[in-house]
Amino acid sequence: MTFDFDWTLSVPFIFSLIAMIYTYFRTRRQDVEERFKTGSRRMDEIDMRVARIEQRVDMMPEREDLHAMQVTLTEMAGSLQTMSERLRSQNEIMRRLE
């Protein structure tokens, strides 16, 4: 029993097998490159968002600024109470004069 190898059928099969393997790895590589590009774009967008948020946070008043504003508002409220007491006393004087 001898084994006769038929090249007419095996050569096209081998070429098609090689083409399938090449196509598999080539498309797989393109998928990876596309994912890297997509990931890079997403990272750029995230970097821009973080930069915008940092800018907004830097522009916000700090704790000391808010405390100074609170003290100033308290002083203004005290001044307004003093003024209202004086106006009330002047209103009473005006009422007596009438």
PDB file of N, CA and C in Angstrom:
ATOM      1  N   MET A   1       0.835  -1.156   0.000  1.00  0.00           N
ATOM      2  CA  MET A   1       0.000   0.000   0.000  1.00  0.00           C
ATOM      3  C   MET A   1       0.890   1.232   0.000  1.00  0.00           C
ATOM      4  N   THR A   2       0.728   1.978  -1.006  1.00  0.00           N
ATOM      5  CA  THR A   2       1.512   3.193  -1.145  1.00  0.00           C
ATOM      6  C   THR A   2       0.583   4.387  -1.028  1.00  0.00           C
ATOM      7  N   PHE A   3       1.176   5.426  -0.496  1.00  0.00           N
ATOM      8  CA  PHE A   3       0.381   6.641  -0.317  1.00  0.00           C
ATOM      9  C   PHE A   3       0.799   7.619  -1.404  1.00  0.00           C
ATOM     10  N   ASP A   4      -0.138   7.930  -2.290  1.00  0.00           N
ATOM     11  CA  ASP A   4       0.122   8.891  -3.361  1.00  0.00           C
ATOM     12  C   ASP A   4      -0.439  10.238  -2.936  1.00  0.00           C
ATOM     13  N   PHE A   5       0.439  11.233  -2.876  1.00  0.00           N
ATOM     14  CA  PHE A   5       0.023  12.570  -2.467  1.00  0.00           C
ATOM     15  C   PHE A   5      -0.382  13.339  -3.704  1.00  0.00           C
ATOM     16  N   ASP A   6      -1.583  13.890  -3.691  1.00  0.00           N
ATOM     17  CA  ASP A   6      -2.107  14.604  -4.856  1.00  0.00           C
ATOM     18  C   ASP A   6      -1.931  16.105  -4.630  1.00  0.00           C
ATOM     19  N   TRP A   7      -0.988  16.685  -5.306  1.00  0.00           N
ATOM     20  CA  TRP A   7      -0.689  18.118  -5.174  1.00  0.00           C
ATOM     21  C   TRP A   7      -1.783  18.996  -5.767  1.00  0.00           C
ATOM     22  N   THR A   8      -2.522  18.510  -6.696  1.00  0.00           N
ATOM     23  CA  THR A   8      -3.548  19.336  -7.339  1.00  0.00           C
ATOM     24  C   THR A   8      -4.664  19.709  -6.373  1.00  0.00           C
ATOM     25  N   LEU A   9      -4.931  18.881  -5.401  1.00  0.00           N
ATOM     26  CA  LEU A   9      -5.975  19.208  -4.412  1.00  0.00           C
ATOM     27  C   LEU A   9      -5.398  19.839  -3.154  1.00  0.00           C
ATOM     28  N   SER A  10      -4.207  19.508  -2.773  1.00  0.00           N
ATOM     29  CA  SER A  10      -3.663  19.983  -1.510  1.00  0.00           C
ATOM     30  C   SER A  10      -3.082  21.393  -1.598  1.00  0.00           C
ATOM     31  N   VAL A  11      -2.510  21.781  -2.722  1.00  0.00           N
ATOM     32  CA  VAL A  11      -1.924  23.127  -2.844  1.00  0.00           C
ATOM     33  C   VAL A  11      -2.989  24.209  -2.698  1.00  0.00           C
ATOM     34  N   PRO A  12      -4.110  24.162  -3.384  1.00  0.00           N
ATOM     35  CA  PRO A  12      -5.144  25.196  -3.164  1.00  0.00           C
ATOM     36  C   PRO A  12      -5.671  25.199  -1.725  1.00  0.00           C
ATOM     37  N   PHE A  13      -5.773  24.000  -1.139  1.00  0.00           N
ATOM     38  CA  PHE A  13      -6.234  23.922   0.250  1.00  0.00           C
ATOM     39  C   PHE A  13      -5.235  24.594   1.188  1.00  0.00           C
ATOM     40  N   ILE A  14      -3.969  24.358   0.974  1.00  0.00           N
ATOM     41  CA  ILE A  14      -2.929  24.977   1.804  1.00  0.00           C
ATOM     42  C   ILE A  14      -2.945  26.493   1.627  1.00  0.00           C
ATOM     43  N   PHE A  15      -3.057  26.963   0.378  1.00  0.00           N
ATOM     44  CA  PHE A  15      -3.117  28.408   0.121  1.00  0.00           C
ATOM     45  C   PHE A  15      -4.348  29.043   0.772  1.00  0.00           C
ATOM     46  N   SER A  16      -5.478  28.381   0.685  1.00  0.00           N
ATOM     47  CA  SER A  16      -6.679  28.938   1.309  1.00  0.00           C
ATOM     48  C   SER A  16      -6.551  28.928   2.828  1.00  0.00           C
ATOM     49  N   LEU A  17      -5.926  27.902   3.399  1.00  0.00           N
ATOM     50  CA  LEU A  17      -5.699  27.857   4.829  1.00  0.00           C
ATOM     51  C   LEU A  17      -4.770  28.985   5.269  1.00  0.00           C
ATOM     52  N   ILE A  18      -3.701  29.211   4.533  1.00  0.00           N
ATOM     53  CA  ILE A  18      -2.777  30.317   4.830  1.00  0.00           C
ATOM     54  C   ILE A  18      -3.501  31.648   4.707  1.00  0.00           C
ATOM     55  N   ALA A  19      -4.339  31.817   3.696  1.00  0.00           N
ATOM     56  CA  ALA A  19      -5.093  33.064   3.518  1.00  0.00           C
ATOM     57  C   ALA A  19      -6.057  33.285   4.676  1.00  0.00           C
ATOM     58  N   MET A  20      -6.681  32.237   5.167  1.00  0.00           N
ATOM     59  CA  MET A  20      -7.592  32.373   6.305  1.00  0.00           C
ATOM     60  C   MET A  20      -6.837  32.795   7.558  1.00  0.00           C
ATOM     61  N   ILE A  21      -5.698  32.181   7.798  1.00  0.00           N
ATOM     62  CA  ILE A  21      -4.901  32.531   8.976  1.00  0.00           C
ATOM     63  C   ILE A  21      -4.422  33.973   8.883  1.00  0.00           C
ATOM     64  N   TYR A  22      -3.941  34.367   7.709  1.00  0.00           N
ATOM     65  CA  TYR A  22      -3.475  35.746   7.510  1.00  0.00           C
ATOM     66  C   TYR A  22      -4.610  36.728   7.726  1.00  0.00           C
ATOM     67  N   THR A  23      -5.767  36.438   7.169  1.00  0.00           N
ATOM     68  CA  THR A  23      -6.927  37.325   7.318  1.00  0.00           C
ATOM     69  C   THR A  23      -7.339  37.425   8.781  1.00  0.00           C
ATOM     70  N   TYR A  24      -7.319  36.332   9.503  1.00  0.00           N
ATOM     71  CA  TYR A  24      -7.688  36.342  10.917  1.00  0.00           C
ATOM     72  C   TYR A  24      -6.773  37.275  11.707  1.00  0.00           C
ATOM     73  N   PHE A  25      -5.471  37.111  11.530  1.00  0.00           N
ATOM     74  CA  PHE A  25      -4.542  37.950  12.289  1.00  0.00           C
ATOM     75  C   PHE A  25      -4.566  39.399  11.831  1.00  0.00           C
ATOM     76  N   ARG A  26      -4.743  39.619  10.540  1.00  0.00           N
ATOM     77  CA  ARG A  26      -4.784  40.993  10.025  1.00  0.00           C
ATOM     78  C   ARG A  26      -6.016  41.733  10.547  1.00  0.00           C
ATOM     79  N   THR A  27      -7.176  41.117  10.518  1.00  0.00           N
ATOM     80  CA  THR A  27      -8.385  41.793  11.022  1.00  0.00           C
ATOM     81  C   THR A  27      -8.330  41.930  12.531  1.00  0.00           C
ATOM     82  N   ARG A  28      -7.720  40.966  13.197  1.00  0.00           N
ATOM     83  CA  ARG A  28      -7.578  41.065  14.644  1.00  0.00           C
ATOM     84  C   ARG A  28      -6.691  42.244  14.997  1.00  0.00           C
ATOM     85  N   ARG A  29      -5.644  42.455  14.264  1.00  0.00           N
ATOM     86  CA  ARG A  29      -4.736  43.571  14.501  1.00  0.00           C
ATOM     87  C   ARG A  29      -5.453  44.903  14.249  1.00  0.00           C
ATOM     88  N   GLN A  30      -6.270  44.971  13.206  1.00  0.00           N
ATOM     89  CA  GLN A  30      -7.021  46.198  12.926  1.00  0.00           C
ATOM     90  C   GLN A  30      -8.005  46.490  14.043  1.00  0.00           C
ATOM     91  N   ASP A  31      -8.636  45.449  14.578  1.00  0.00           N
ATOM     92  CA  ASP A  31      -9.552  45.638  15.698  1.00  0.00           C
ATOM     93  C   ASP A  31      -8.833  46.235  16.894  1.00  0.00           C
ATOM     94  N   VAL A  32      -7.658  45.720  17.178  1.00  0.00           N
ATOM     95  CA  VAL A  32      -6.888  46.218  18.312  1.00  0.00           C
ATOM     96  C   VAL A  32      -6.485  47.668  18.080  1.00  0.00           C
ATOM     97  N   GLU A  33      -6.044  47.982  16.861  1.00  0.00           N
ATOM     98  CA  GLU A  33      -5.672  49.367  16.553  1.00  0.00           C
ATOM     99  C   GLU A  33      -6.869  50.294  16.672  1.00  0.00           C
ATOM    100  N   GLU A  34      -8.024  49.848  16.223  1.00  0.00           N
ATOM    101  CA  GLU A  34      -9.239  50.667  16.326  1.00  0.00           C
ATOM    102  C   GLU A  34      -9.616  50.874  17.783  1.00  0.00           C
ATOM    103  N   ARG A  35      -9.486  49.833  18.591  1.00  0.00           N
ATOM    104  CA  ARG A  35      -9.776  49.987  20.018  1.00  0.00           C
ATOM    105  C   ARG A  35      -8.808  50.952  20.681  1.00  0.00           C
ATOM    106  N   PHE A  36      -7.532  50.907  20.283  1.00  0.00           N
ATOM    107  CA  PHE A  36      -6.559  51.847  20.829  1.00  0.00           C
ATOM    108  C   PHE A  36      -6.904  53.278  20.429  1.00  0.00           C
ATOM    109  N   LYS A  37      -7.317  53.471  19.179  1.00  0.00           N
ATOM    110  CA  LYS A  37      -7.699  54.817  18.727  1.00  0.00           C
ATOM    111  C   LYS A  37      -8.915  55.313  19.507  1.00  0.00           C
ATOM    112  N   THR A  38      -9.899  54.431  19.685  1.00  0.00           N
ATOM    113  CA  THR A  38     -11.097  54.810  20.440  1.00  0.00           C
ATOM    114  C   THR A  38     -10.737  55.133  21.886  1.00  0.00           C
ATOM    115  N   GLY A  39      -9.897  54.314  22.492  1.00  0.00           N
ATOM    116  CA  GLY A  39      -9.468  54.567  23.862  1.00  0.00           C
ATOM    117  C   GLY A  39      -8.686  55.859  23.982  1.00  0.00           C
ATOM    118  N   SER A  40      -7.863  56.147  22.981  1.00  0.00           N
ATOM    119  CA  SER A  40      -7.090  57.386  22.995  1.00  0.00           C
ATOM    120  C   SER A  40      -8.011  58.601  22.905  1.00  0.00           C
ATOM    121  N   ARG A  41      -9.023  58.511  22.041  1.00  0.00           N
ATOM    122  CA  ARG A  41      -9.985  59.613  21.928  1.00  0.00           C
ATOM    123  C   ARG A  41     -10.732  59.810  23.242  1.00  0.00           C
ATOM    124  N   ARG A  42     -11.141  58.710  23.871  1.00  0.00           N
ATOM    125  CA  ARG A  42     -11.850  58.820  25.142  1.00  0.00           C
ATOM    126  C   ARG A  42     -10.962  59.435  26.217  1.00  0.00           C
ATOM    127  N   MET A  43      -9.699  59.048  26.256  1.00  0.00           N
ATOM    128  CA  MET A  43      -8.775  59.618  27.236  1.00  0.00           C
ATOM    129  C   MET A  43      -8.585  61.121  26.996  1.00  0.00           C
ATOM    130  N   ASP A  44      -8.511  61.532  25.715  1.00  0.00           N
ATOM    131  CA  ASP A  44      -8.396  62.959  25.415  1.00  0.00           C
ATOM    132  C   ASP A  44      -9.624  63.722  25.900  1.00  0.00           C
ATOM    133  N   GLU A  45     -10.809  63.143  25.671  1.00  0.00           N
ATOM    134  CA  GLU A  45     -12.035  63.790  26.139  1.00  0.00           C
ATOM    135  C   GLU A  45     -12.061  63.886  27.664  1.00  0.00           C
ATOM    136  N   ILE A  46     -11.640  62.821  28.333  1.00  0.00           N
ATOM    137  CA  ILE A  46     -11.614  62.831  29.798  1.00  0.00           C
ATOM    138  C   ILE A  46     -10.618  63.862  30.302  1.00  0.00           C
ATOM    139  N   ASP A  47      -9.445  63.963  29.642  1.00  0.00           N
ATOM    140  CA  ASP A  47      -8.463  64.975  30.039  1.00  0.00           C
ATOM    141  C   ASP A  47      -9.036  66.380  29.909  1.00  0.00           C
ATOM    142  N   MET A  48      -9.768  66.636  28.829  1.00  0.00           N
ATOM    143  CA  MET A  48     -10.368  67.964  28.646  1.00  0.00           C
ATOM    144  C   MET A  48     -11.428  68.230  29.714  1.00  0.00           C
ATOM    145  N   ARG A  49     -12.243  67.219  30.026  1.00  0.00           N
ATOM    146  CA  ARG A  49     -13.263  67.391  31.060  1.00  0.00           C
ATOM    147  C   ARG A  49     -12.630  67.668  32.413  1.00  0.00           C
ATOM    148  N   VAL A  50     -11.578  66.944  32.744  1.00  0.00           N
ATOM    149  CA  VAL A  50     -10.891  67.156  34.020  1.00  0.00           C
ATOM    150  C   VAL A  50     -10.297  68.555  34.071  1.00  0.00           C
ATOM    151  N   ALA A  51      -9.725  69.019  32.955  1.00  0.00           N
ATOM    152  CA  ALA A  51      -9.147  70.363  32.924  1.00  0.00           C
ATOM    153  C   ALA A  51     -10.228  71.414  33.147  1.00  0.00           C
ATOM    154  N   ARG A  52     -11.411  71.222  32.520  1.00  0.00           N
ATOM    155  CA  ARG A  52     -12.508  72.177  32.721  1.00  0.00           C
ATOM    156  C   ARG A  52     -12.976  72.171  34.168  1.00  0.00           C
ATOM    157  N   ILE A  53     -13.076  71.000  34.763  1.00  0.00           N
ATOM    158  CA  ILE A  53     -13.509  70.910  36.161  1.00  0.00           C
ATOM    159  C   ILE A  53     -12.487  71.568  37.082  1.00  0.00           C
ATOM    160  N   GLU A  54     -11.204  71.331  36.827  1.00  0.00           N
ATOM    161  CA  GLU A  54     -10.170  71.965  37.645  1.00  0.00           C
ATOM    162  C   GLU A  54     -10.230  73.478  37.523  1.00  0.00           C
ATOM    163  N   GLN A  55     -10.506  73.964  36.321  1.00  0.00           N
ATOM    164  CA  GLN A  55     -10.627  75.410  36.124  1.00  0.00           C
ATOM    165  C   GLN A  55     -11.785  75.966  36.949  1.00  0.00           C
ATOM    166  N   ARG A  56     -12.920  75.282  36.922  1.00  0.00           N
ATOM    167  CA  ARG A  56     -14.082  75.744  37.684  1.00  0.00           C
ATOM    168  C   ARG A  56     -13.803  75.703  39.176  1.00  0.00           C
ATOM    169  N   VAL A  57     -13.159  74.649  39.640  1.00  0.00           N
ATOM    170  CA  VAL A  57     -12.865  74.532  41.062  1.00  0.00           C
ATOM    171  C   VAL A  57     -11.885  75.616  41.493  1.00  0.00           C
ATOM    172  N   ASP A  58     -10.890  75.918  40.650  1.00  0.00           N
ATOM    173  CA  ASP A  58      -9.930  76.973  40.989  1.00  0.00           C
ATOM    174  C   ASP A  58     -10.599  78.331  41.108  1.00  0.00           C
ATOM    175  N   MET A  59     -11.676  78.553  40.354  1.00  0.00           N
ATOM    176  CA  MET A  59     -12.357  79.842  40.372  1.00  0.00           C
ATOM    177  C   MET A  59     -13.340  79.962  41.530  1.00  0.00           C
ATOM    178  N   MET A  60     -13.670  78.851  42.176  1.00  0.00           N
ATOM    179  CA  MET A  60     -14.618  78.891  43.289  1.00  0.00           C
ATOM    180  C   MET A  60     -13.958  79.511  44.518  1.00  0.00           C
ATOM    181  N   PRO A  61     -14.770  80.181  45.357  1.00  0.00           N
ATOM    182  CA  PRO A  61     -14.192  80.779  46.575  1.00  0.00           C
ATOM    183  C   PRO A  61     -13.729  79.698  47.545  1.00  0.00           C
ATOM    184  N   GLU A  62     -12.678  80.039  48.267  1.00  0.00           N
ATOM    185  CA  GLU A  62     -12.146  79.090  49.244  1.00  0.00           C
ATOM    186  C   GLU A  62     -12.837  79.274  50.582  1.00  0.00           C
ATOM    187  N   ARG A  63     -12.472  78.461  51.534  1.00  0.00           N
ATOM    188  CA  ARG A  63     -13.100  78.490  52.857  1.00  0.00           C
ATOM    189  C   ARG A  63     -12.911  79.838  53.537  1.00  0.00           C
ATOM    190  N   GLU A  64     -11.704  80.393  53.425  1.00  0.00           N
ATOM    191  CA  GLU A  64     -11.430  81.687  54.053  1.00  0.00           C
ATOM    192  C   GLU A  64     -12.266  82.795  53.416  1.00  0.00           C
ATOM    193  N   ASP A  65     -12.442  82.722  52.101  1.00  0.00           N
ATOM    194  CA  ASP A  65     -13.264  83.727  51.413  1.00  0.00           C
ATOM    195  C   ASP A  65     -14.705  83.658  51.889  1.00  0.00           C
ATOM    196  N   LEU A  66     -15.230  82.445  52.001  1.00  0.00           N
ATOM    197  CA  LEU A  66     -16.613  82.292  52.471  1.00  0.00           C
ATOM    198  C   LEU A  66     -16.757  82.770  53.907  1.00  0.00           C
ATOM    199  N   HIS A  67     -15.760  82.505  54.727  1.00  0.00           N
ATOM    200  CA  HIS A  67     -15.816  82.971  56.114  1.00  0.00           C
ATOM    201  C   HIS A  67     -15.794  84.500  56.172  1.00  0.00           C
ATOM    202  N   ALA A  68     -14.948  85.113  55.341  1.00  0.00           N
ATOM    203  CA  ALA A  68     -14.900  86.577  55.304  1.00  0.00           C
ATOM    204  C   ALA A  68     -16.238  87.145  54.857  1.00  0.00           C
ATOM    205  N   MET A  69     -16.868  86.514  53.885  1.00  0.00           N
ATOM    206  CA  MET A  69     -18.186  86.977  53.430  1.00  0.00           C
ATOM    207  C   MET A  69     -19.219  86.827  54.541  1.00  0.00           C
ATOM    208  N   GLN A  70     -19.159  85.740  55.269  1.00  0.00           N
ATOM    209  CA  GLN A  70     -20.101  85.516  56.361  1.00  0.00           C
ATOM    210  C   GLN A  70     -19.925  86.565  57.456  1.00  0.00           C
ATOM    211  N   VAL A  71     -18.680  86.883  57.793  1.00  0.00           N
ATOM    212  CA  VAL A  71     -18.421  87.907  58.813  1.00  0.00           C
ATOM    213  C   VAL A  71     -18.942  89.257  58.333  1.00  0.00           C
ATOM    214  N   THR A  72     -18.694  89.585  57.069  1.00  0.00           N
ATOM    215  CA  THR A  72     -19.155  90.855  56.514  1.00  0.00           C
ATOM    216  C   THR A  72     -20.677  90.933  56.534  1.00  0.00           C
ATOM    217  N   LEU A  73     -21.340  89.848  56.171  1.00  0.00           N
ATOM    218  CA  LEU A  73     -22.809  89.844  56.195  1.00  0.00           C
ATOM    219  C   LEU A  73     -23.341  89.979  57.622  1.00  0.00           C
ATOM    220  N   THR A  74     -22.679  89.370  58.561  1.00  0.00           N
ATOM    221  CA  THR A  74     -23.091  89.503  59.962  1.00  0.00           C
ATOM    222  C   THR A  74     -22.947  90.945  60.422  1.00  0.00           C
ATOM    223  N   GLU A  75     -21.826  91.576  60.053  1.00  0.00           N
ATOM    224  CA  GLU A  75     -21.632  92.986  60.402  1.00  0.00           C
ATOM    225  C   GLU A  75     -22.698  93.863  59.755  1.00  0.00           C
ATOM    226  N   MET A  76     -23.023  93.565  58.504  1.00  0.00           N
ATOM    227  CA  MET A  76     -24.056  94.352  57.824  1.00  0.00           C
ATOM    228  C   MET A  76     -25.411  94.166  58.496  1.00  0.00           C
ATOM    229  N   ALA A  77     -25.710  92.952  58.925  1.00  0.00           N
ATOM    230  CA  ALA A  77     -26.982  92.713  59.612  1.00  0.00           C
ATOM    231  C   ALA A  77     -27.024  93.498  60.908  1.00  0.00           C
ATOM    232  N   GLY A  78     -25.907  93.541  61.636  1.00  0.00           N
ATOM    233  CA  GLY A  78     -25.859  94.330  62.873  1.00  0.00           C
ATOM    234  C   GLY A  78     -26.042  95.803  62.586  1.00  0.00           C
ATOM    235  N   SER A  79     -25.414  96.302  61.521  1.00  0.00           N
ATOM    236  CA  SER A  79     -25.565  97.714  61.152  1.00  0.00           C
ATOM    237  C   SER A  79     -27.008  98.021  60.776  1.00  0.00           C
ATOM    238  N   LEU A  80     -27.648  97.114  60.065  1.00  0.00           N
ATOM    239  CA  LEU A  80     -29.049  97.334  59.689  1.00  0.00           C
ATOM    240  C   LEU A  80     -29.950  97.343  60.920  1.00  0.00           C
ATOM    241  N   GLN A  81     -29.672  96.506  61.887  1.00  0.00           N
ATOM    242  CA  GLN A  81     -30.476  96.512  63.116  1.00  0.00           C
ATOM    243  C   GLN A  81     -30.297  97.831  63.854  1.00  0.00           C
ATOM    244  N   THR A  82     -29.070  98.328  63.914  1.00  0.00           N
ATOM    245  CA  THR A  82     -28.808  99.609  64.574  1.00  0.00           C
ATOM    246  C   THR A  82     -29.552 100.724  63.855  1.00  0.00           C
ATOM    247  N   MET A  83     -29.496 100.700  62.521  1.00  0.00           N
ATOM    248  CA  MET A  83     -30.191 101.734  61.749  1.00  0.00           C
ATOM    249  C   MET A  83     -31.693 101.646  61.946  1.00  0.00           C
ATOM    250  N   SER A  84     -32.234 100.433  62.014  1.00  0.00           N
ATOM    251  CA  SER A  84     -33.681 100.313  62.199  1.00  0.00           C
ATOM    252  C   SER A  84     -34.089 100.805  63.592  1.00  0.00           C
ATOM    253  N   GLU A  85     -33.254 100.581  64.617  1.00  0.00           N
ATOM    254  CA  GLU A  85     -33.536 101.101  65.957  1.00  0.00           C
ATOM    255  C   GLU A  85     -33.533 102.627  65.938  1.00  0.00           C
ATOM    256  N   ARG A  86     -32.563 103.211  65.263  1.00  0.00           N
ATOM    257  CA  ARG A  86     -32.508 104.678  65.188  1.00  0.00           C
ATOM    258  C   ARG A  86     -33.704 105.230  64.434  1.00  0.00           C
ATOM    259  N   LEU A  87     -34.067 104.566  63.327  1.00  0.00           N
ATOM    260  CA  LEU A  87     -35.231 105.035  62.576  1.00  0.00           C
ATOM    261  C   LEU A  87     -36.501 104.878  63.400  1.00  0.00           C
ATOM    262  N   ARG A  88     -36.596 103.826  64.177  1.00  0.00           N
ATOM    263  CA  ARG A  88     -37.775 103.636  65.012  1.00  0.00           C
ATOM    264  C   ARG A  88     -37.869 104.762  66.049  1.00  0.00           C
ATOM    265  N   SER A  89     -36.732 105.096  66.659  1.00  0.00           N
ATOM    266  CA  SER A  89     -36.763 106.175  67.648  1.00  0.00           C
ATOM    267  C   SER A  89     -37.100 107.505  66.971  1.00  0.00           C
ATOM    268  N   GLN A  90     -36.575 107.734  65.771  1.00  0.00           N
ATOM    269  CA  GLN A  90     -36.921 108.969  65.071  1.00  0.00           C
ATOM    270  C   GLN A  90     -38.387 108.986  64.683  1.00  0.00           C
ATOM    271  N   ASN A  91     -38.949 107.839  64.327  1.00  0.00           N
ATOM    272  CA  ASN A  91     -40.371 107.770  64.007  1.00  0.00           C
ATOM    273  C   ASN A  91     -41.211 108.089  65.244  1.00  0.00           C
ATOM    274  N   GLU A  92     -40.774 107.625  66.392  1.00  0.00           N
ATOM    275  CA  GLU A  92     -41.505 107.935  67.617  1.00  0.00           C
ATOM    276  C   GLU A  92     -41.439 109.429  67.918  1.00  0.00           C
ATOM    277  N   ILE A  93     -40.284 110.049  67.708  1.00  0.00           N
ATOM    278  CA  ILE A  93     -40.145 111.498  67.907  1.00  0.00           C
ATOM    279  C   ILE A  93     -41.068 112.234  66.964  1.00  0.00           C
ATOM    280  N   MET A  94     -41.090 111.830  65.689  1.00  0.00           N
ATOM    281  CA  MET A  94     -41.947 112.486  64.702  1.00  0.00           C
ATOM    282  C   MET A  94     -43.414 112.323  65.059  1.00  0.00           C
ATOM    283  N   ARG A  95     -43.772 111.165  65.584  1.00  0.00           N
ATOM    284  CA  ARG A  95     -45.148 110.934  65.980  1.00  0.00           C
ATOM    285  C   ARG A  95     -45.536 111.829  67.155  1.00  0.00           C
ATOM    286  N   ARG A  96     -44.643 112.042  68.085  1.00  0.00           N
ATOM    287  CA  ARG A  96     -44.923 112.926  69.219  1.00  0.00           C
ATOM    288  C   ARG A  96     -45.091 114.369  68.766  1.00  0.00           C
ATOM    289  N   LEU A  97     -44.239 114.741  67.786  1.00  0.00           N
ATOM    290  CA  LEU A  97     -44.314 116.121  67.297  1.00  0.00           C
ATOM    291  C   LEU A  97     -45.607 116.396  66.543  1.00  0.00           C
ATOM    292  N   GLU A  98     -46.136 115.398  65.915  1.00  0.00           N
ATOM    293  CA  GLU A  98     -47.379 115.587  65.179  1.00  0.00           C
ATOM    294  C   GLU A  98     -48.499 115.739  66.161  1.00  0.00           C
TER     295      GLU A  98
END
